[in-house]
C-alpha cells in the first residue's frame, strides 16, 4: 500500500514537473517571438518613409518657429525704442 502511495506521489510530482517545463518553454518561445517582433518594428519604424517625412516636417517647423521668435523679438525691440 505504501509503495502504491509513493508511486502515485512520484507520478504526480513528475506530471507537475513536466507541466511546468512545458509551460516554461511556451512562455520562453512567446517572449522570444515578441522581442523579435519588437526589434523589427523599431528598426522599420525609425527608417520608414513616413518617419523620414515626419522628421523633415519637424525640422521645418522648428526653423519656422526660430524665424518667428526672431521677428517677435525685433518688433519688441522697435516698440521699446519708440517708447511705447
N, C-alpha and C. Protein backbone atom coordinates (compact mmCIF):
# COMPACT_ATOMS: atom_id res chain seq x y z
N UNK A 1 0.82 -1.19 0.00
CA UNK A 1 0.00 0.00 0.00
C UNK A 1 0.86 1.25 0.00
N UNK A 2 1.95 1.24 0.83
CA UNK A 2 2.83 2.40 0.87
C UNK A 2 3.52 2.61 -0.47
N UNK A 3 3.88 1.52 -1.11
CA UNK A 3 4.53 1.62 -2.42
C UNK A 3 3.58 2.24 -3.44
N UNK A 4 2.32 1.86 -3.36
CA UNK A 4 1.34 2.43 -4.29
C UNK A 4 1.19 3.93 -4.06
N UNK A 5 1.16 4.33 -2.80
CA UNK A 5 1.02 5.76 -2.47
C UNK A 5 2.26 6.54 -2.90
N UNK A 6 3.44 5.97 -2.66
CA UNK A 6 4.67 6.67 -3.04
C UNK A 6 4.81 6.72 -4.56
N UNK A 7 4.37 5.64 -5.23
CA UNK A 7 4.40 5.65 -6.70
C UNK A 7 3.44 6.71 -7.25
N UNK A 8 2.28 6.85 -6.62
CA UNK A 8 1.30 7.85 -7.04
C UNK A 8 1.85 9.25 -6.81
N UNK A 9 2.47 9.49 -5.66
CA UNK A 9 3.04 10.80 -5.36
C UNK A 9 4.18 11.11 -6.33
N UNK A 10 5.01 10.13 -6.62
CA UNK A 10 6.11 10.33 -7.57
C UNK A 10 5.56 10.64 -8.96
N UNK A 11 4.54 9.93 -9.34
CA UNK A 11 3.92 10.16 -10.65
C UNK A 11 3.33 11.56 -10.73
N UNK A 12 2.68 11.99 -9.66
CA UNK A 12 2.09 13.34 -9.64
C UNK A 12 3.17 14.40 -9.71
N UNK A 13 4.27 14.20 -8.97
CA UNK A 13 5.38 15.15 -9.00
C UNK A 13 5.99 15.24 -10.38
N UNK A 14 6.17 14.10 -11.03
CA UNK A 14 6.72 14.10 -12.38
C UNK A 14 5.76 14.79 -13.36
N UNK A 15 4.47 14.55 -13.17
CA UNK A 15 3.47 15.19 -14.02
C UNK A 15 3.50 16.70 -13.86
N UNK A 16 3.61 17.16 -12.60
CA UNK A 16 3.69 18.60 -12.35
C UNK A 16 4.97 19.19 -12.93
N UNK A 17 6.07 18.46 -12.79
CA UNK A 17 7.34 18.93 -13.32
C UNK A 17 7.28 19.04 -14.84
N UNK A 18 6.67 18.04 -15.48
CA UNK A 18 6.53 18.08 -16.94
C UNK A 18 5.64 19.24 -17.38
N UNK A 19 4.56 19.47 -16.64
CA UNK A 19 3.66 20.57 -16.98
C UNK A 19 4.38 21.91 -16.82
N UNK A 20 5.12 22.05 -15.73
CA UNK A 20 5.87 23.29 -15.51
C UNK A 20 6.89 23.50 -16.63
N UNK A 21 7.60 22.44 -16.98
CA UNK A 21 8.61 22.53 -18.04
C UNK A 21 7.97 22.94 -19.37
N UNK A 22 6.82 22.38 -19.69
CA UNK A 22 6.11 22.70 -20.93
C UNK A 22 5.64 24.15 -20.92
N UNK A 23 5.06 24.59 -19.78
CA UNK A 23 4.60 25.97 -19.68
C UNK A 23 5.77 26.95 -19.77
N UNK A 24 6.88 26.62 -19.15
CA UNK A 24 8.07 27.48 -19.20
C UNK A 24 8.57 27.61 -20.63
N UNK A 25 8.62 26.50 -21.36
CA UNK A 25 9.08 26.53 -22.75
C UNK A 25 8.13 27.36 -23.61
N UNK A 26 6.83 27.21 -23.42
CA UNK A 26 5.86 28.00 -24.18
C UNK A 26 6.04 29.49 -23.91
N UNK A 27 6.19 29.84 -22.64
CA UNK A 27 6.37 31.26 -22.27
C UNK A 27 7.65 31.80 -22.88
N UNK A 28 8.72 31.02 -22.82
CA UNK A 28 10.01 31.46 -23.36
C UNK A 28 9.89 31.68 -24.87
N UNK A 29 9.24 30.77 -25.57
CA UNK A 29 9.07 30.91 -27.02
C UNK A 29 8.26 32.15 -27.36
N UNK A 30 7.18 32.39 -26.62
CA UNK A 30 6.35 33.58 -26.86
C UNK A 30 7.13 34.86 -26.59
N UNK A 31 7.92 34.87 -25.53
CA UNK A 31 8.72 36.05 -25.17
C UNK A 31 9.76 36.34 -26.25
N UNK A 32 10.44 35.30 -26.72
CA UNK A 32 11.45 35.50 -27.76
C UNK A 32 10.81 35.99 -29.06
N UNK A 33 9.65 35.47 -29.39
CA UNK A 33 8.94 35.92 -30.59
C UNK A 33 8.56 37.39 -30.46
N UNK A 34 8.04 37.77 -29.31
CA UNK A 34 7.63 39.16 -29.09
C UNK A 34 8.84 40.10 -29.14
N UNK A 35 9.96 39.70 -28.56
CA UNK A 35 11.17 40.52 -28.60
C UNK A 35 11.65 40.70 -30.03
N UNK A 36 11.58 39.64 -30.83
CA UNK A 36 11.98 39.73 -32.24
C UNK A 36 11.07 40.67 -33.01
N UNK A 37 9.77 40.55 -32.79
CA UNK A 37 8.82 41.43 -33.47
C UNK A 37 9.04 42.88 -33.08
N UNK A 38 9.30 43.12 -31.81
CA UNK A 38 9.53 44.49 -31.34
C UNK A 38 10.77 45.09 -31.97
N UNK A 39 11.83 44.31 -32.09
CA UNK A 39 13.05 44.84 -32.72
C UNK A 39 12.82 45.13 -34.19
N UNK A 40 12.01 44.31 -34.88
CA UNK A 40 11.68 44.59 -36.28
C UNK A 40 10.87 45.87 -36.40
N UNK A 41 9.90 46.04 -35.53
CA UNK A 41 9.05 47.23 -35.57
C UNK A 41 9.89 48.48 -35.34
N UNK A 42 10.78 48.42 -34.36
CA UNK A 42 11.64 49.58 -34.06
C UNK A 42 12.54 49.88 -35.25
N UNK A 43 13.13 48.85 -35.83
CA UNK A 43 14.05 49.04 -36.95
C UNK A 43 13.36 49.60 -38.18
N UNK A 44 12.21 49.08 -38.51
CA UNK A 44 11.47 49.54 -39.69
C UNK A 44 10.85 50.90 -39.42
N UNK A 45 10.30 51.09 -38.24
CA UNK A 45 9.59 52.32 -37.92
C UNK A 45 10.48 53.55 -37.97
N UNK A 46 11.71 53.43 -37.51
CA UNK A 46 12.59 54.60 -37.45
C UNK A 46 13.13 54.96 -38.83
N UNK A 47 13.15 54.03 -39.75
CA UNK A 47 13.71 54.29 -41.07
C UNK A 47 12.66 54.28 -42.17
N UNK A 48 11.41 54.26 -41.80
CA UNK A 48 10.36 54.21 -42.81
C UNK A 48 10.23 55.56 -43.51
N UNK A 49 9.68 55.58 -44.71
CA UNK A 49 9.48 56.85 -45.42
C UNK A 49 8.60 57.81 -44.62
N UNK A 50 7.62 57.26 -43.93
CA UNK A 50 6.73 58.11 -43.13
C UNK A 50 7.51 58.81 -42.02
N UNK A 51 8.39 58.06 -41.34
CA UNK A 51 9.17 58.64 -40.25
C UNK A 51 10.14 59.69 -40.78
N UNK A 52 10.77 59.43 -41.92
CA UNK A 52 11.68 60.43 -42.51
C UNK A 52 10.92 61.69 -42.88
N UNK A 53 9.72 61.52 -43.43
CA UNK A 53 8.89 62.67 -43.79
C UNK A 53 8.52 63.49 -42.54
N UNK A 54 8.16 62.79 -41.48
CA UNK A 54 7.81 63.49 -40.24
C UNK A 54 9.00 64.22 -39.63
N UNK A 55 10.18 63.61 -39.70
CA UNK A 55 11.38 64.27 -39.19
C UNK A 55 11.68 65.53 -39.98
N UNK A 56 11.53 65.45 -41.31
CA UNK A 56 11.76 66.61 -42.17
C UNK A 56 10.77 67.72 -41.84
N UNK A 57 9.51 67.35 -41.69
CA UNK A 57 8.48 68.34 -41.35
C UNK A 57 8.75 68.96 -39.98
N UNK A 58 9.18 68.17 -39.03
CA UNK A 58 9.50 68.68 -37.69
C UNK A 58 10.63 69.70 -37.77
N UNK A 59 11.66 69.40 -38.54
CA UNK A 59 12.77 70.34 -38.69
C UNK A 59 12.32 71.64 -39.33
N UNK A 60 11.42 71.55 -40.32
CA UNK A 60 10.89 72.76 -40.95
C UNK A 60 10.11 73.60 -39.95
N UNK A 61 9.31 72.95 -39.14
CA UNK A 61 8.52 73.67 -38.13
C UNK A 61 9.44 74.33 -37.11
N UNK A 62 10.49 73.64 -36.73
CA UNK A 62 11.45 74.23 -35.77
C UNK A 62 12.12 75.47 -36.36
N UNK A 63 12.50 75.40 -37.63
CA UNK A 63 13.12 76.55 -38.29
C UNK A 63 12.14 77.72 -38.38
N UNK A 64 10.89 77.43 -38.74
CA UNK A 64 9.87 78.48 -38.80
C UNK A 64 9.67 79.11 -37.43
N UNK A 65 9.67 78.30 -36.41
CA UNK A 65 9.49 78.78 -35.05
C UNK A 65 10.63 79.74 -34.66
N UNK A 66 11.86 79.38 -35.03
CA UNK A 66 13.00 80.26 -34.74
C UNK A 66 12.87 81.59 -35.47
N UNK A 67 12.47 81.54 -36.74
CA UNK A 67 12.31 82.78 -37.52
C UNK A 67 11.23 83.68 -36.90
N UNK A 68 10.11 83.07 -36.51
CA UNK A 68 9.02 83.86 -35.91
C UNK A 68 9.45 84.45 -34.56
N UNK A 69 10.20 83.68 -33.79
CA UNK A 69 10.69 84.19 -32.50
C UNK A 69 11.61 85.38 -32.71
N UNK A 70 12.47 85.32 -33.72
CA UNK A 70 13.35 86.44 -34.03
C UNK A 70 12.55 87.67 -34.47
N UNK A 71 11.53 87.46 -35.29
CA UNK A 71 10.69 88.58 -35.74
C UNK A 71 10.00 89.24 -34.56
N UNK A 72 9.49 88.44 -33.64
CA UNK A 72 8.81 88.99 -32.47
C UNK A 72 9.78 89.78 -31.61
N UNK A 73 10.97 89.25 -31.41
CA UNK A 73 11.98 89.96 -30.62
C UNK A 73 12.37 91.29 -31.27
N UNK A 74 12.48 91.31 -32.59
CA UNK A 74 12.80 92.56 -33.30
C UNK A 74 11.68 93.59 -33.14
N UNK A 75 10.43 93.13 -33.23
CA UNK A 75 9.28 94.04 -33.06
C UNK A 75 9.25 94.60 -31.64
N UNK A 76 9.51 93.77 -30.66
CA UNK A 76 9.52 94.23 -29.27
C UNK A 76 10.62 95.28 -29.08
N UNK A 77 11.78 95.02 -29.67
CA UNK A 77 12.89 95.98 -29.57
C UNK A 77 12.50 97.32 -30.19
N UNK A 78 11.86 97.29 -31.38
CA UNK A 78 11.45 98.53 -32.03
C UNK A 78 10.42 99.28 -31.22
N UNK A 79 9.49 98.55 -30.61
CA UNK A 79 8.48 99.21 -29.77
C UNK A 79 9.12 99.84 -28.55
N UNK A 80 10.08 99.18 -27.95
CA UNK A 80 10.77 99.75 -26.79
C UNK A 80 11.55 101.00 -27.20
N UNK A 81 12.18 100.94 -28.36
CA UNK A 81 12.96 102.10 -28.84
C UNK A 81 12.02 103.28 -29.15
N UNK A 82 10.80 102.99 -29.55
CA UNK A 82 9.84 104.04 -29.88
C UNK A 82 9.13 104.54 -28.64
N UNK A 83 9.49 104.05 -27.47
CA UNK A 83 8.93 104.44 -26.17
C UNK A 83 7.45 104.10 -26.02
N UNK A 84 7.06 102.97 -26.44
CA UNK A 84 5.67 102.54 -26.24
C UNK A 84 5.56 101.80 -24.95
